[in-house]
Protein backbone atom coordinates (compact mmCIF):
# COMPACT_ATOMS: atom_id res chain seq x y z
CA MET A 1 65.88 -18.53 -1.71
CA VAL A 2 63.92 -21.58 -2.90
CA ALA A 3 65.94 -24.77 -3.28
CA SER A 4 65.85 -26.18 -6.81
CA ALA A 5 65.37 -29.77 -7.87
CA SER A 6 68.92 -29.87 -9.16
CA ASN A 7 70.72 -29.02 -5.94
CA PHE A 8 68.58 -30.46 -3.15
CA ALA A 9 69.58 -33.70 -1.40
CA TRP A 10 66.51 -35.78 -2.32
CA GLU A 11 67.69 -39.26 -1.45
CA ASN A 12 68.69 -39.01 2.21
CA PRO A 13 67.16 -35.93 3.81
CA SER A 14 67.66 -35.42 7.53
CA THR A 15 64.50 -35.69 9.60
CA ASN A 16 65.75 -32.77 11.73
CA VAL A 17 63.60 -33.81 14.68
CA THR A 18 63.72 -36.22 17.60
CA ALA A 19 60.78 -37.91 19.32
CA ARG A 20 60.12 -35.85 22.42
CA PHE A 21 56.32 -35.82 22.55
CA ALA A 22 53.87 -38.61 23.27
CA TYR A 23 52.27 -38.08 19.85
CA ASP A 24 55.60 -39.00 18.24
CA TYR A 25 55.52 -42.54 19.62
CA SER A 26 54.17 -45.42 17.59
CA PHE A 27 52.35 -48.06 19.61
CA GLU A 28 55.37 -50.35 19.34
CA ASP A 29 57.74 -47.63 20.57
CA LEU A 30 55.41 -46.80 23.44
CA ALA A 31 55.24 -50.49 24.42
CA VAL A 32 59.05 -50.68 24.46
CA LEU A 33 59.23 -47.57 26.64
CA PHE A 34 56.61 -48.92 29.04
CA ALA A 35 58.37 -52.29 29.25
CA ALA A 36 61.55 -50.50 30.32
CA TRP A 37 59.51 -48.85 33.07
CA GLY A 38 57.98 -52.18 34.14
CA PHE A 39 54.52 -51.74 32.61
CA SER A 40 52.69 -54.14 30.30
CA PRO A 41 51.80 -53.92 26.59
CA ALA A 42 48.12 -53.81 27.61
CA GLN A 43 48.79 -50.61 29.57
CA ALA A 44 50.62 -49.19 26.55
CA ALA A 45 47.56 -50.02 24.42
CA ARG A 46 45.20 -48.23 26.83
CA THR A 47 47.48 -45.19 26.89
CA PHE A 48 47.77 -45.15 23.10
CA THR A 49 43.98 -45.38 22.81
CA GLY A 50 43.57 -42.54 25.29
CA LEU A 51 45.92 -40.34 23.31
CA HIS A 52 44.69 -41.06 19.80
CA ARG A 53 41.08 -42.25 20.07
CA ARG A 54 39.81 -40.44 23.15
CA GLY A 55 41.97 -37.38 22.50
CA ILE A 56 43.10 -36.79 26.08
CA SER A 57 45.16 -33.67 26.69
CA ASP A 58 46.66 -34.65 30.08
CA TYR A 59 47.75 -37.93 31.62
CA ARG A 60 45.37 -37.64 34.61
CA SER A 61 42.55 -38.27 32.14
CA LEU A 62 43.84 -41.87 31.92
CA ALA A 63 42.73 -42.50 35.52
CA GLY A 64 40.64 -45.64 35.78
CA THR A 65 42.13 -47.19 32.65
CA VAL A 66 45.79 -47.48 33.69
CA PRO A 67 47.46 -47.72 37.13
CA ASN A 68 48.10 -44.49 38.99
CA GLN A 69 51.76 -45.51 39.17
CA LEU A 70 51.96 -45.29 35.37
CA ILE A 71 50.35 -41.85 35.34
CA ASP A 72 52.83 -40.71 37.98
CA LYS A 73 55.70 -42.11 35.94
CA LEU A 74 54.55 -40.33 32.77
CA GLU A 75 54.42 -37.04 34.66
CA GLN A 76 57.75 -37.62 36.40
CA GLU A 77 59.46 -38.33 33.09
CA SER A 78 58.18 -34.98 31.76
CA LEU A 79 57.04 -36.56 28.51
CA PRO A 80 54.89 -33.78 26.97
CA ILE A 81 51.90 -34.86 24.91
CA ASP A 82 51.36 -32.15 22.33
CA PRO A 83 54.02 -30.49 20.10
CA VAL A 84 51.62 -27.65 19.25
CA SER A 85 52.18 -24.67 21.53
CA SER A 86 49.11 -22.76 20.36
CA LEU A 87 46.76 -22.57 17.42
CA GLU A 88 44.51 -20.15 15.61
CA THR A 89 41.42 -20.85 13.53
CA ARG A 90 40.11 -18.88 10.57
CA PRO A 91 36.61 -19.95 9.50
CA SER A 92 35.64 -19.65 5.85
CA ALA A 93 32.24 -18.62 4.57
CA ASP A 94 31.98 -21.96 2.73
CA GLY A 95 32.22 -24.02 5.94
CA ALA A 96 35.93 -24.84 5.81
CA THR A 97 38.27 -23.80 8.63
CA LYS A 98 41.95 -22.98 8.28
CA PHE A 99 44.16 -23.84 11.26
CA LEU A 100 47.47 -22.19 12.06
CA PHE A 101 49.55 -24.49 14.26
CA HIS A 102 52.34 -22.78 16.19
CA LEU A 103 54.90 -25.47 16.99
CA VAL A 104 56.94 -25.85 20.17
CA ARG A 105 60.09 -26.45 18.13
CA GLY A 106 59.54 -23.31 16.08
CA GLY A 107 57.64 -22.35 12.99
CA THR A 108 53.98 -22.34 12.02
CA VAL A 109 52.21 -24.69 9.63
CA GLU A 110 48.68 -24.66 8.29
CA GLY A 111 45.95 -27.23 7.92
CA VAL A 112 42.42 -27.09 6.57
CA LEU A 113 39.28 -28.84 7.79
CA MET A 114 36.60 -29.26 5.11
CA PRO A 115 33.16 -30.65 5.99
CA PHE A 116 31.20 -32.64 3.41
CA GLY A 117 27.97 -33.68 5.10
CA LYS A 118 28.88 -36.28 7.75
CA ARG A 119 32.39 -36.64 6.35
CA PHE A 120 35.36 -34.38 7.02
CA THR A 121 38.50 -34.04 4.94
CA LEU A 122 41.56 -32.87 6.87
CA CYS A 123 44.39 -31.41 4.79
CA ILE A 124 47.61 -31.48 6.83
CA SER A 125 51.17 -30.23 6.37
CA SER A 126 54.31 -32.39 6.36
CA GLN A 127 57.06 -29.73 6.36
CA VAL A 128 57.73 -26.17 7.40
CA GLY A 129 58.15 -24.69 3.94
CA CYS A 130 58.94 -26.72 0.82
CA ALA A 131 61.97 -27.36 -1.38
CA LEU A 132 60.07 -27.89 -4.63
CA GLY A 133 59.35 -24.31 -5.70
CA CYS A 134 56.26 -25.05 -7.82
CA THR A 135 55.34 -21.67 -9.29
CA PHE A 136 51.59 -22.04 -8.73
CA CYS A 137 52.00 -22.83 -5.01
CA ALA A 138 52.57 -20.16 -2.36
CA THR A 139 54.33 -22.58 0.02
CA GLY A 140 57.19 -22.95 -2.46
CA THR A 141 58.16 -19.31 -1.95
CA MET A 142 59.10 -20.09 1.67
CA GLY A 143 61.95 -22.42 0.80
CA PHE A 144 62.58 -25.54 2.87
CA ARG A 145 62.99 -25.09 6.63
CA ARG A 146 62.57 -28.51 8.20
CA HIS A 147 60.58 -31.74 8.21
CA LEU A 148 57.76 -32.22 10.68
CA SER A 149 57.93 -35.14 13.06
CA SER A 150 55.17 -37.75 13.07
CA GLY A 151 53.86 -36.22 16.30
CA GLU A 152 53.60 -32.79 14.71
CA MET A 153 51.52 -34.26 11.91
CA VAL A 154 49.38 -36.41 14.20
CA ALA A 155 48.72 -33.34 16.36
CA GLN A 156 47.22 -31.51 13.38
CA VAL A 157 44.74 -34.33 12.86
CA LEU A 158 43.83 -34.55 16.54
CA HIS A 159 43.22 -30.83 16.92
CA MET A 160 41.09 -30.65 13.77
CA ARG A 161 39.26 -33.84 14.70
CA ARG A 162 38.20 -32.31 17.99
CA LEU A 163 36.57 -29.44 16.13
CA SER A 164 34.77 -31.87 13.84
CA GLY A 165 33.16 -33.57 16.84
CA GLY A 166 35.31 -36.66 16.48
CA PHE A 167 35.61 -37.19 20.22
CA ASN A 168 31.92 -36.81 21.11
CA GLY A 169 31.09 -40.50 21.07
CA LYS A 170 29.89 -40.51 17.47
CA ALA A 171 33.08 -40.12 15.49
CA ALA A 172 32.67 -38.46 12.11
CA ARG A 173 34.22 -40.18 9.12
CA LEU A 174 37.59 -38.60 8.44
CA ASN A 175 39.72 -38.45 5.33
CA VAL A 176 43.27 -37.27 5.93
CA VAL A 177 45.22 -35.83 3.01
CA PHE A 178 48.93 -34.96 3.16
CA MET A 179 48.41 -32.07 0.77
CA GLY A 180 49.18 -29.01 2.89
CA MET A 181 52.53 -27.31 3.23
CA GLY A 182 55.53 -29.35 2.08
CA GLU A 183 56.29 -32.34 -0.17
CA PRO A 184 55.16 -35.43 1.81
CA LEU A 185 57.39 -37.94 0.03
CA HIS A 186 60.43 -35.80 0.80
CA ASN A 187 59.60 -36.55 4.44
CA LEU A 188 58.57 -40.13 3.71
CA THR A 189 59.89 -41.78 6.89
CA ASN A 190 57.89 -39.50 9.17
CA VAL A 191 54.84 -39.49 6.90
CA MET A 192 54.68 -43.29 6.96
CA ALA A 193 55.15 -43.25 10.75
CA THR A 194 52.18 -40.86 10.92
CA PHE A 195 50.16 -43.16 8.66
CA GLU A 196 50.86 -46.10 10.98
CA ILE A 197 49.73 -44.11 14.02
CA LEU A 198 46.53 -42.84 12.36
CA THR A 199 45.51 -46.30 11.14
CA HIS A 200 46.60 -48.35 14.19
CA ARG A 201 43.98 -50.62 15.73
CA HIS A 202 44.56 -49.11 19.18
CA GLY A 203 44.33 -45.56 17.84
CA MET A 204 41.97 -43.81 15.44
CA VAL A 205 41.66 -46.92 13.26
CA LEU A 206 41.39 -44.88 10.06
CA PRO A 207 41.02 -47.16 7.00
CA ASP A 208 44.14 -47.15 4.83
CA ARG A 209 42.11 -45.87 1.86
CA ASP A 210 40.91 -42.86 3.87
CA VAL A 211 44.47 -41.51 4.04
CA ALA A 212 46.08 -40.00 0.93
CA VAL A 213 49.50 -38.56 0.20
CA SER A 214 50.11 -36.02 -2.57
CA THR A 215 53.43 -35.72 -4.35
CA SER A 216 54.88 -33.49 -7.05
CA GLY A 217 56.43 -36.58 -8.61
CA LEU A 218 59.52 -37.76 -6.69
CA VAL A 219 60.04 -40.94 -8.68
CA SER A 220 62.52 -42.59 -6.29
CA LYS A 221 60.16 -42.00 -3.37
CA ILE A 222 57.11 -43.26 -5.28
CA GLN A 223 59.08 -46.44 -5.91
CA GLU A 224 59.93 -46.61 -2.20
CA ILE A 225 56.37 -46.13 -0.96
CA SER A 226 55.15 -48.78 -3.41
CA SER A 227 57.16 -51.37 -1.46
CA PHE A 228 55.08 -50.94 1.72
CA ASN A 229 52.46 -53.62 2.35
CA ARG A 230 50.18 -50.94 3.81
CA ARG A 231 50.27 -47.44 2.42
CA PRO A 232 48.12 -44.38 1.77
CA GLN A 233 46.32 -43.58 -1.47
CA LEU A 234 48.71 -41.97 -3.98
CA MET A 235 48.00 -38.56 -5.52
CA VAL A 236 50.38 -37.09 -8.11
CA SER A 237 50.45 -33.47 -9.26
CA ILE A 238 50.87 -33.18 -13.03
CA ALA A 239 50.01 -29.54 -13.93
CA ALA A 240 51.29 -29.80 -17.52
CA THR A 241 51.49 -32.29 -20.37
CA THR A 242 54.86 -31.36 -21.89
CA ASP A 243 58.28 -31.37 -20.26
CA TYR A 244 58.89 -27.78 -21.35
CA ARG A 245 55.80 -26.41 -19.62
CA ARG A 246 55.98 -28.71 -16.60
CA SER A 247 59.60 -27.76 -15.95
CA GLN A 248 58.52 -24.13 -15.93
CA LEU A 249 55.72 -24.78 -13.46
CA MET A 250 57.35 -27.57 -11.42
CA PRO A 251 61.16 -27.60 -11.21
CA VAL A 252 61.05 -31.24 -10.05
CA ASN A 253 60.38 -32.14 -13.69
CA ARG A 254 64.00 -31.26 -14.50
CA ARG A 255 65.06 -34.15 -12.26
CA TRP A 256 62.27 -36.57 -13.18
CA PRO A 257 60.69 -35.72 -16.56
CA LEU A 258 57.17 -36.77 -17.42
CA GLU A 259 58.07 -40.00 -19.17
CA SER A 260 60.09 -41.28 -16.18
CA LEU A 261 57.22 -40.36 -13.87
CA LEU A 262 54.55 -42.00 -16.04
CA THR A 263 56.67 -45.14 -16.47
CA CYS A 264 57.02 -45.32 -12.69
CA LEU A 265 53.25 -44.97 -12.25
CA GLU A 266 52.62 -47.73 -14.80
CA SER A 267 54.49 -50.16 -12.55
CA TYR A 268 52.94 -48.90 -9.29
CA PRO A 269 51.18 -51.83 -7.54
CA LEU A 270 47.51 -50.95 -7.09
CA ARG A 271 45.02 -52.60 -4.78
CA LYS A 272 41.65 -53.89 -5.96
CA ARG A 273 39.54 -51.05 -7.41
CA GLU A 274 42.30 -48.53 -6.62
CA ARG A 275 43.25 -45.69 -8.96
CA ILE A 276 46.13 -43.23 -8.89
CA MET A 277 44.75 -39.71 -8.53
CA LEU A 278 46.27 -37.20 -10.95
CA SER A 279 45.95 -33.61 -9.73
CA TYR A 280 45.92 -31.04 -12.51
CA VAL A 281 45.96 -27.36 -11.55
CA VAL A 282 44.16 -25.57 -14.40
CA ILE A 283 45.73 -22.17 -15.15
CA ALA A 284 44.15 -19.72 -17.57
CA GLY A 285 46.11 -19.42 -20.80
CA VAL A 286 48.84 -21.78 -19.61
CA ASN A 287 47.57 -25.37 -19.63
CA ASP A 288 43.83 -25.18 -20.29
CA ASP A 289 43.50 -25.77 -24.04
CA ALA A 290 42.19 -28.76 -25.98
CA GLU A 291 45.68 -30.03 -26.87
CA ASN A 292 46.64 -30.24 -23.20
CA ALA A 293 43.35 -31.99 -22.46
CA SER A 294 43.90 -34.65 -25.13
CA ARG A 295 47.50 -35.28 -23.99
CA LEU A 296 46.38 -35.48 -20.35
CA ALA A 297 43.69 -38.00 -21.28
CA ALA A 298 46.27 -40.14 -23.08
CA MET A 299 48.55 -40.05 -20.04
CA SER A 300 45.73 -41.09 -17.72
CA LYS A 301 44.98 -44.20 -19.80
CA ARG A 302 48.45 -45.65 -19.20
CA PHE A 303 47.36 -46.86 -15.74
CA PRO A 304 44.14 -46.86 -13.68
CA SER A 305 43.66 -43.23 -12.72
CA LEU A 306 41.26 -40.46 -11.80
CA ILE A 307 42.02 -36.90 -12.91
CA ASN A 308 41.23 -34.18 -10.37
CA LEU A 309 40.97 -30.79 -12.08
CA ILE A 310 41.78 -28.00 -9.63
CA PRO A 311 41.08 -24.47 -10.90
CA MET A 312 44.05 -22.25 -10.01
CA ASN A 313 43.62 -20.51 -6.66
CA PRO A 314 45.18 -17.06 -7.12
CA HIS A 315 47.60 -15.69 -4.54
CA GLU A 316 49.96 -12.73 -4.38
CA THR A 317 53.11 -14.84 -4.85
CA ALA A 318 51.93 -15.95 -8.33
CA PRO A 319 50.92 -12.73 -10.11
CA GLY A 320 49.27 -13.32 -13.45
CA MET A 321 48.24 -16.91 -12.69
CA THR A 322 44.47 -17.15 -12.55
CA GLU A 323 41.75 -19.74 -12.85
CA PRO A 324 40.10 -20.23 -16.23
CA GLY A 325 36.56 -19.01 -16.77
CA GLU A 326 33.79 -21.52 -16.17
CA VAL A 327 33.15 -22.01 -19.90
CA ARG A 328 36.84 -22.73 -20.52
CA LEU A 329 37.03 -25.11 -17.54
CA GLN A 330 33.94 -27.02 -18.64
CA GLY A 331 35.33 -27.29 -22.16
CA PHE A 332 38.58 -28.77 -20.79
CA TYR A 333 36.57 -31.21 -18.67
CA GLU A 334 34.36 -32.27 -21.58
CA THR A 335 37.35 -32.85 -23.84
CA LEU A 336 38.81 -35.20 -21.23
CA MET A 337 35.47 -37.00 -20.97
CA ASP A 338 35.23 -37.28 -24.75
CA HIS A 339 38.64 -38.98 -24.74
CA GLY A 340 37.42 -41.55 -22.21
CA ALA A 341 39.23 -40.23 -19.13
CA PHE A 342 37.84 -40.53 -15.61
CA VAL A 343 37.75 -36.95 -14.35
CA THR A 344 36.26 -34.72 -11.66
CA ILE A 345 36.45 -30.99 -10.94
CA ARG A 346 37.49 -30.25 -7.39
CA ARG A 347 36.15 -26.97 -6.14
CA SER A 348 38.57 -25.67 -3.51
CA ARG A 349 37.30 -24.68 -0.10
CA GLY A 350 38.53 -21.89 2.15
CA ARG A 351 39.56 -19.43 -0.54
CA ASP A 352 38.41 -16.39 1.43
CA VAL A 353 40.82 -17.27 4.28
CA ALA A 354 43.70 -18.30 1.95
CA GLY A 355 43.11 -21.93 2.84
CA ALA A 356 42.59 -23.36 -0.65
CA CYS A 357 45.04 -25.56 -2.57
CA GLY A 358 48.27 -23.70 -3.26
CA GLN A 359 47.50 -20.80 -0.91
CA LEU A 360 49.16 -22.05 2.30
CA VAL A 361 52.18 -19.95 3.25
CA GLN A 362 53.73 -18.45 6.38
CA SER A 363 56.18 -15.60 6.91
CA LEU A 364 59.58 -16.80 8.13
CA ASN A 365 60.82 -13.59 9.74
CA PRO A 366 61.59 -13.82 12.55
CA TYR A 367 62.11 -17.58 12.51
CA GLN A 368 63.76 -19.64 15.21
CA LEU A 369 64.49 -23.32 15.57
CA GLU A 370 65.92 -25.11 18.52
CA PRO A 371 69.56 -26.13 18.01
């Protein structure tokens, strides 16, 4: 059963996980741990760099950069590095690769690596399942199982980065998008911890603007993330331009209707030259007519924004929902342009391996979690 927006505990969700892996530790937490063991912040920095920039998979690879006594201590304390027990890859004909991450604590999540020349976009998951139940998204049919820890999210990036050649001495430019399985802002504490790890000066040093978080429109959490001095780029899924239709497609609209969401976005503090990205899944015969286009354009003008049109990616859990024909899609796009909106069409990658937007889903039977 999929949890609905009316009965789920949005405000204070349990994180359901404890930090047991090296990837879960922020630099500050690692420095505190090392201090308790009698080791310096400089040694914590070298270890953090080894884990997140060099991508080491065992502590012996730190030899020559930290004392052997520290390596011995890390091994004696049985602090495992990686929360991923195993993974599978499914290459797509268009160059994308879908990853299936089997987690030590139970469950499988998916991520997608998409190459664009010398740049790679990594789409990662933030939860096992999802509570939102958006009808155009396969993940919503799973229901909510648990939040991922920061280490489980960082691990997705590190594994995909290795495949992209990010540890070969000439690191590729990476964009990380929390747009896989789950609602990232529902797991905001761990998502922001992941953001801090990915952007830390001793780690991967990803620019803040190269990390984005996508939300279905959790107004209270958008307000919360706006209070951070450093934060990812904000992406908001709209999918419809009336409350009636959006509530059908996205149950979260029953809790936070369009006007409350748009009012919240009007007050969202933007950085210089920053825009809020509005994701609009275009569904044939549902939200792809000229009236929807004109209303969407009007919404987008209420604050600096960029509309991302995403043609519906069909999947078996959403029978009858299909992408519009190319002529219809181009007409929708041109109507938005005629109304002065900033708009792009995002062509999904990985469709042939069910790795495109809205297609990520995993069977939950049998499913086991540690107590």
